[in-house]
């Protein structure tokens, strides 16, 4: 039973570190604007 908790804890920690780690940008991606407003009118 104790091994199960250790396995779950390790799984959660590695998942958190992998998912929340920094990512590098692709060349040219510095000029991309992310728009969070869903009411924006694309013309």
N, C-alpha and C. Protein backbone atom coordinates (compact mmCIF):
# COMPACT_ATOMS: atom_id res chain seq x y z
N UNK A 1 0.83 -1.20 0.00
CA UNK A 1 0.00 0.00 0.00
C UNK A 1 0.87 1.26 0.00
N UNK A 2 1.97 1.22 0.75
CA UNK A 2 2.86 2.38 0.82
C UNK A 2 3.54 2.63 -0.53
N UNK A 3 3.87 1.55 -1.25
CA UNK A 3 4.48 1.71 -2.57
C UNK A 3 3.53 2.39 -3.55
N UNK A 4 2.25 2.14 -3.39
CA UNK A 4 1.25 2.75 -4.26
C UNK A 4 1.24 4.27 -4.09
N UNK A 5 1.31 4.74 -2.84
CA UNK A 5 1.32 6.17 -2.58
C UNK A 5 2.59 6.83 -3.11
N UNK A 6 3.72 6.15 -2.98
CA UNK A 6 4.98 6.68 -3.50
C UNK A 6 4.90 6.79 -5.02
N UNK A 7 4.36 5.76 -5.67
CA UNK A 7 4.23 5.78 -7.12
C UNK A 7 3.32 6.92 -7.58
N UNK A 8 2.21 7.10 -6.92
CA UNK A 8 1.27 8.18 -7.28
C UNK A 8 1.92 9.54 -7.08
N UNK A 9 2.65 9.72 -5.97
CA UNK A 9 3.31 10.99 -5.69
C UNK A 9 4.37 11.28 -6.76
N UNK A 10 5.17 10.30 -7.11
CA UNK A 10 6.18 10.49 -8.15
C UNK A 10 5.55 10.81 -9.50
N UNK A 11 4.46 10.14 -9.81
CA UNK A 11 3.75 10.39 -11.06
C UNK A 11 3.23 11.82 -11.12
N UNK A 12 2.64 12.30 -10.04
CA UNK A 12 2.11 13.66 -10.01
C UNK A 12 3.22 14.70 -10.08
N UNK A 13 4.31 14.46 -9.38
CA UNK A 13 5.42 15.41 -9.38
C UNK A 13 6.05 15.50 -10.77
N UNK A 14 6.31 14.35 -11.40
CA UNK A 14 6.92 14.39 -12.73
C UNK A 14 5.95 14.98 -13.75
N UNK A 15 4.67 14.71 -13.62
CA UNK A 15 3.69 15.31 -14.52
C UNK A 15 3.63 16.82 -14.38
N UNK A 16 3.70 17.29 -13.14
CA UNK A 16 3.69 18.73 -12.89
C UNK A 16 4.94 19.39 -13.47
N UNK A 17 6.10 18.80 -13.24
CA UNK A 17 7.34 19.38 -13.73
C UNK A 17 7.40 19.37 -15.26
N UNK A 18 6.87 18.33 -15.87
CA UNK A 18 6.87 18.26 -17.33
C UNK A 18 5.87 19.24 -17.93
N UNK A 19 4.69 19.33 -17.38
CA UNK A 19 3.65 20.20 -17.93
C UNK A 19 3.88 21.67 -17.68
N UNK A 20 4.54 22.01 -16.58
CA UNK A 20 4.72 23.42 -16.23
C UNK A 20 6.13 23.93 -16.52
N UNK A 21 6.91 23.16 -17.20
CA UNK A 21 8.27 23.58 -17.53
C UNK A 21 8.30 24.60 -18.63
N UNK A 22 9.39 25.37 -18.73
CA UNK A 22 9.49 26.37 -19.79
C UNK A 22 9.66 25.73 -21.16
N UNK A 23 9.13 26.37 -22.15
CA UNK A 23 9.23 25.88 -23.53
C UNK A 23 9.96 26.93 -24.36
N UNK A 24 10.74 26.49 -25.32
CA UNK A 24 11.44 27.43 -26.19
C UNK A 24 10.54 27.80 -27.37
N UNK A 25 10.72 29.01 -27.87
CA UNK A 25 9.92 29.49 -29.00
C UNK A 25 10.53 29.03 -30.31
N UNK A 26 9.69 28.79 -31.27
CA UNK A 26 10.16 28.50 -32.62
C UNK A 26 10.62 29.80 -33.26
N UNK A 27 11.53 29.75 -34.23
CA UNK A 27 11.97 30.98 -34.90
C UNK A 27 10.79 31.69 -35.55
N UNK A 28 10.68 32.98 -35.30
CA UNK A 28 9.59 33.78 -35.85
C UNK A 28 8.36 33.84 -34.96
N UNK A 29 8.33 33.08 -33.89
CA UNK A 29 7.15 33.05 -33.02
C UNK A 29 7.09 34.24 -32.07
N UNK A 30 8.13 35.06 -32.06
CA UNK A 30 8.13 36.23 -31.17
C UNK A 30 7.09 37.25 -31.60
N UNK A 31 6.67 37.22 -32.87
CA UNK A 31 5.78 38.24 -33.40
C UNK A 31 4.31 37.80 -33.40
N UNK A 32 4.00 36.69 -32.77
CA UNK A 32 2.62 36.21 -32.73
C UNK A 32 1.90 36.84 -31.54
N UNK A 33 0.73 37.39 -31.77
CA UNK A 33 -0.08 37.98 -30.71
C UNK A 33 -1.18 37.00 -30.33
N UNK A 34 -1.33 36.76 -29.03
CA UNK A 34 -2.39 35.89 -28.53
C UNK A 34 -3.51 36.78 -28.02
N UNK A 35 -4.70 36.58 -28.57
CA UNK A 35 -5.85 37.40 -28.21
C UNK A 35 -6.79 36.56 -27.34
N UNK A 36 -7.03 37.03 -26.12
CA UNK A 36 -7.87 36.29 -25.19
C UNK A 36 -9.31 36.74 -25.17
N UNK A 37 -9.64 37.79 -25.88
CA UNK A 37 -10.97 38.33 -25.89
C UNK A 37 -11.80 37.59 -26.96
N UNK A 38 -12.86 36.92 -26.58
CA UNK A 38 -13.64 36.15 -27.53
C UNK A 38 -14.60 37.03 -28.36
N UNK A 39 -14.75 38.30 -27.99
CA UNK A 39 -15.66 39.17 -28.74
C UNK A 39 -14.91 39.98 -29.79
N UNK A 40 -13.66 39.66 -30.06
CA UNK A 40 -12.86 40.38 -31.05
C UNK A 40 -13.43 40.14 -32.44
N UNK A 41 -13.53 41.20 -33.24
CA UNK A 41 -14.03 41.11 -34.61
C UNK A 41 -12.86 40.94 -35.56
N UNK A 42 -12.75 39.80 -36.19
CA UNK A 42 -11.71 39.58 -37.19
C UNK A 42 -12.21 40.11 -38.53
N UNK A 43 -11.51 41.07 -39.10
CA UNK A 43 -11.95 41.68 -40.35
C UNK A 43 -11.06 41.28 -41.48
